[in-house]
Amino acid sequence: MKTKQLANILIKILGLSVLIHSIPGIITGLYNAVRIRPMDGPGDWWFYPVSSLVLAAIGIYLVVQSRRVTELLFKSEDE
């Protein structure tokens, strides 16, 4: 297996790991936002799940664009 192929697979695995690890944060953040919002009224309740949503977006990007990331990381290597 060549270096770029291995890197492509490992980047996909990393993306899946980031995506899976962000799911509990999203669920907890949404739960807390729903629970806190009625008590506090309008405010920063929407901010709780945002960081986990950003992590999920990064994970999806790594899975979908793994070849582009691999090419960026290994520009100088020839196959």
N, C-alpha and C. Protein backbone atom coordinates (compact mmCIF):
# COMPACT_ATOMS: atom_id res chain seq x y z
N MET A 1 0.84 -1.17 0.00
CA MET A 1 0.00 0.00 0.00
C MET A 1 0.89 1.24 0.00
N LYS A 2 0.57 2.17 -0.84
CA LYS A 2 1.39 3.38 -0.97
C LYS A 2 1.05 4.37 0.14
N THR A 3 1.94 5.32 0.34
CA THR A 3 1.80 6.29 1.41
C THR A 3 0.52 7.11 1.28
N LYS A 4 0.21 7.57 0.09
CA LYS A 4 -0.99 8.38 -0.11
C LYS A 4 -2.27 7.58 0.14
N GLN A 5 -2.27 6.33 -0.25
CA GLN A 5 -3.45 5.50 -0.02
C GLN A 5 -3.68 5.28 1.48
N LEU A 6 -2.60 5.00 2.18
CA LEU A 6 -2.69 4.81 3.62
C LEU A 6 -3.14 6.10 4.31
N ALA A 7 -2.57 7.23 3.90
CA ALA A 7 -2.97 8.51 4.47
C ALA A 7 -4.44 8.79 4.20
N ASN A 8 -4.91 8.48 3.01
CA ASN A 8 -6.31 8.68 2.67
C ASN A 8 -7.22 7.88 3.60
N ILE A 9 -6.89 6.63 3.84
CA ILE A 9 -7.68 5.78 4.72
C ILE A 9 -7.63 6.30 6.16
N LEU A 10 -6.45 6.68 6.61
CA LEU A 10 -6.32 7.16 7.99
C LEU A 10 -7.05 8.49 8.19
N ILE A 11 -7.08 9.35 7.19
CA ILE A 11 -7.82 10.61 7.29
C ILE A 11 -9.31 10.34 7.35
N LYS A 12 -9.79 9.37 6.58
CA LYS A 12 -11.21 8.99 6.66
C LYS A 12 -11.55 8.45 8.05
N ILE A 13 -10.68 7.62 8.62
CA ILE A 13 -10.91 7.08 9.96
C ILE A 13 -10.91 8.21 10.99
N LEU A 14 -9.99 9.16 10.84
CA LEU A 14 -9.96 10.30 11.74
C LEU A 14 -11.25 11.11 11.65
N GLY A 15 -11.74 11.33 10.43
CA GLY A 15 -12.98 12.06 10.24
C GLY A 15 -14.16 11.35 10.88
N LEU A 16 -14.23 10.03 10.70
CA LEU A 16 -15.31 9.26 11.33
C LEU A 16 -15.22 9.32 12.85
N SER A 17 -14.03 9.27 13.38
CA SER A 17 -13.84 9.35 14.82
C SER A 17 -14.29 10.70 15.35
N VAL A 18 -13.90 11.77 14.69
CA VAL A 18 -14.31 13.12 15.11
C VAL A 18 -15.82 13.25 15.04
N LEU A 19 -16.42 12.74 13.97
CA LEU A 19 -17.87 12.81 13.80
C LEU A 19 -18.59 12.04 14.90
N ILE A 20 -18.15 10.83 15.19
CA ILE A 20 -18.79 10.01 16.21
C ILE A 20 -18.63 10.63 17.60
N HIS A 21 -17.45 11.20 17.87
CA HIS A 21 -17.23 11.81 19.18
C HIS A 21 -18.01 13.12 19.36
N SER A 22 -18.45 13.73 18.28
CA SER A 22 -19.22 14.98 18.41
C SER A 22 -20.70 14.72 18.67
N ILE A 23 -21.18 13.53 18.38
CA ILE A 23 -22.62 13.23 18.53
C ILE A 23 -23.10 13.38 19.98
N PRO A 24 -22.41 12.84 20.99
CA PRO A 24 -22.89 13.05 22.36
C PRO A 24 -22.92 14.53 22.75
N GLY A 25 -21.95 15.31 22.27
CA GLY A 25 -21.94 16.74 22.57
C GLY A 25 -23.12 17.47 21.94
N ILE A 26 -23.48 17.06 20.74
CA ILE A 26 -24.64 17.66 20.08
C ILE A 26 -25.92 17.33 20.85
N ILE A 27 -26.07 16.07 21.21
CA ILE A 27 -27.27 15.66 21.95
C ILE A 27 -27.35 16.36 23.30
N THR A 28 -26.25 16.39 24.03
CA THR A 28 -26.22 17.05 25.33
C THR A 28 -26.46 18.54 25.19
N GLY A 29 -25.84 19.15 24.18
CA GLY A 29 -26.03 20.58 23.97
C GLY A 29 -27.46 20.94 23.63
N LEU A 30 -28.09 20.15 22.76
CA LEU A 30 -29.49 20.41 22.42
C LEU A 30 -30.39 20.18 23.62
N TYR A 31 -30.12 19.14 24.39
CA TYR A 31 -30.92 18.87 25.59
C TYR A 31 -30.80 20.04 26.57
N ASN A 32 -29.58 20.49 26.82
CA ASN A 32 -29.38 21.61 27.74
C ASN A 32 -30.00 22.90 27.21
N ALA A 33 -29.91 23.11 25.90
CA ALA A 33 -30.50 24.31 25.32
C ALA A 33 -32.01 24.30 25.49
N VAL A 34 -32.64 23.15 25.31
CA VAL A 34 -34.09 23.05 25.47
C VAL A 34 -34.47 23.19 26.94
N ARG A 35 -33.67 22.62 27.81
CA ARG A 35 -33.96 22.68 29.23
C ARG A 35 -33.72 24.07 29.81
N ILE A 36 -32.66 24.76 29.38
CA ILE A 36 -32.29 26.06 29.94
C ILE A 36 -33.12 27.19 29.35
N ARG A 37 -33.49 27.09 28.10
CA ARG A 37 -34.18 28.19 27.42
C ARG A 37 -35.45 28.64 28.13
N PRO A 38 -36.35 27.74 28.55
CA PRO A 38 -37.56 28.23 29.22
C PRO A 38 -37.27 28.96 30.54
N MET A 39 -36.18 28.60 31.21
CA MET A 39 -35.87 29.25 32.49
C MET A 39 -35.25 30.63 32.29
N ASP A 40 -34.35 30.76 31.33
CA ASP A 40 -33.61 31.99 31.14
C ASP A 40 -34.26 32.94 30.15
N GLY A 41 -35.16 32.44 29.34
CA GLY A 41 -35.74 33.28 28.30
C GLY A 41 -34.77 33.43 27.15
N PRO A 42 -34.91 34.48 26.35
CA PRO A 42 -33.99 34.66 25.23
C PRO A 42 -32.57 34.92 25.74
N GLY A 43 -31.63 34.40 25.04
CA GLY A 43 -30.24 34.58 25.47
C GLY A 43 -29.30 33.71 24.67
N ASP A 44 -28.31 33.21 25.33
CA ASP A 44 -27.25 32.44 24.68
C ASP A 44 -27.49 30.94 24.71
N TRP A 45 -28.72 30.50 24.79
CA TRP A 45 -29.03 29.08 24.87
C TRP A 45 -28.60 28.33 23.62
N TRP A 46 -28.56 29.00 22.47
CA TRP A 46 -28.22 28.35 21.20
C TRP A 46 -26.74 28.03 21.12
N PHE A 47 -25.92 28.63 21.99
CA PHE A 47 -24.48 28.46 21.90
C PHE A 47 -23.99 27.10 22.38
N TYR A 48 -24.78 26.40 23.17
CA TYR A 48 -24.33 25.13 23.76
C TYR A 48 -23.97 24.06 22.73
N PRO A 49 -24.80 23.79 21.72
CA PRO A 49 -24.44 22.71 20.79
C PRO A 49 -23.54 23.16 19.63
N VAL A 50 -23.19 24.44 19.55
CA VAL A 50 -22.46 24.95 18.38
C VAL A 50 -21.08 24.32 18.25
N SER A 51 -20.34 24.20 19.34
CA SER A 51 -18.98 23.65 19.23
C SER A 51 -19.00 22.20 18.74
N SER A 52 -19.99 21.43 19.18
CA SER A 52 -20.09 20.05 18.72
C SER A 52 -20.53 19.98 17.26
N LEU A 53 -21.37 20.91 16.84
CA LEU A 53 -21.76 20.95 15.44
C LEU A 53 -20.58 21.31 14.54
N VAL A 54 -19.71 22.18 15.03
CA VAL A 54 -18.50 22.53 14.27
C VAL A 54 -17.60 21.29 14.15
N LEU A 55 -17.45 20.54 15.23
CA LEU A 55 -16.65 19.31 15.18
C LEU A 55 -17.25 18.30 14.21
N ALA A 56 -18.58 18.19 14.20
CA ALA A 56 -19.24 17.27 13.27
C ALA A 56 -18.98 17.70 11.84
N ALA A 57 -19.03 19.00 11.58
CA ALA A 57 -18.76 19.50 10.23
C ALA A 57 -17.32 19.21 9.82
N ILE A 58 -16.38 19.35 10.74
CA ILE A 58 -14.98 19.03 10.44
C ILE A 58 -14.84 17.53 10.13
N GLY A 59 -15.50 16.69 10.90
CA GLY A 59 -15.46 15.26 10.65
C GLY A 59 -16.02 14.89 9.29
N ILE A 60 -17.16 15.48 8.93
CA ILE A 60 -17.76 15.23 7.61
C ILE A 60 -16.83 15.70 6.51
N TYR A 61 -16.22 16.86 6.70
CA TYR A 61 -15.28 17.38 5.70
C TYR A 61 -14.11 16.42 5.51
N LEU A 62 -13.56 15.93 6.60
CA LEU A 62 -12.42 15.01 6.49
C LEU A 62 -12.79 13.72 5.78
N VAL A 63 -13.99 13.22 6.01
CA VAL A 63 -14.41 11.99 5.35
C VAL A 63 -14.61 12.24 3.85
N VAL A 64 -15.31 13.32 3.52
CA VAL A 64 -15.66 13.59 2.13
C VAL A 64 -14.46 14.06 1.31
N GLN A 65 -13.62 14.89 1.90
CA GLN A 65 -12.51 15.49 1.16
C GLN A 65 -11.16 14.88 1.54
N SER A 66 -11.12 13.63 1.90
CA SER A 66 -9.87 13.03 2.36
C SER A 66 -8.80 13.01 1.28
N ARG A 67 -9.20 12.80 0.03
CA ARG A 67 -8.20 12.79 -1.05
C ARG A 67 -7.57 14.17 -1.22
N ARG A 68 -8.39 15.20 -1.13
CA ARG A 68 -7.86 16.57 -1.26
C ARG A 68 -6.91 16.90 -0.11
N VAL A 69 -7.27 16.47 1.10
CA VAL A 69 -6.40 16.69 2.25
C VAL A 69 -5.10 15.91 2.08
N THR A 70 -5.19 14.69 1.59
CA THR A 70 -3.99 13.89 1.35
C THR A 70 -3.09 14.55 0.31
N GLU A 71 -3.67 15.05 -0.75
CA GLU A 71 -2.87 15.73 -1.77
C GLU A 71 -2.21 16.97 -1.20
N LEU A 72 -2.91 17.68 -0.34
CA LEU A 72 -2.34 18.87 0.30
C LEU A 72 -1.17 18.51 1.20
N LEU A 73 -1.31 17.42 1.94
CA LEU A 73 -0.26 17.01 2.87
C LEU A 73 0.95 16.38 2.18
N PHE A 74 0.71 15.68 1.07
CA PHE A 74 1.79 14.96 0.38
C PHE A 74 1.98 15.49 -1.02
N LYS A 75 2.10 16.80 -1.17
CA LYS A 75 2.29 17.40 -2.50
C LYS A 75 3.58 16.95 -3.16
N SER A 76 4.62 16.89 -2.39
CA SER A 76 5.93 16.65 -2.99
C SER A 76 6.22 15.18 -3.29
N GLU A 77 5.44 14.27 -2.73
CA GLU A 77 5.70 12.86 -2.97
C GLU A 77 5.07 12.39 -4.27
N ASP A 78 5.81 11.63 -5.03
CA ASP A 78 5.28 11.01 -6.24
C ASP A 78 4.85 9.59 -5.93
N GLU A 79 3.89 9.11 -6.67
CA GLU A 79 3.43 7.75 -6.44
C GLU A 79 4.20 6.77 -7.27
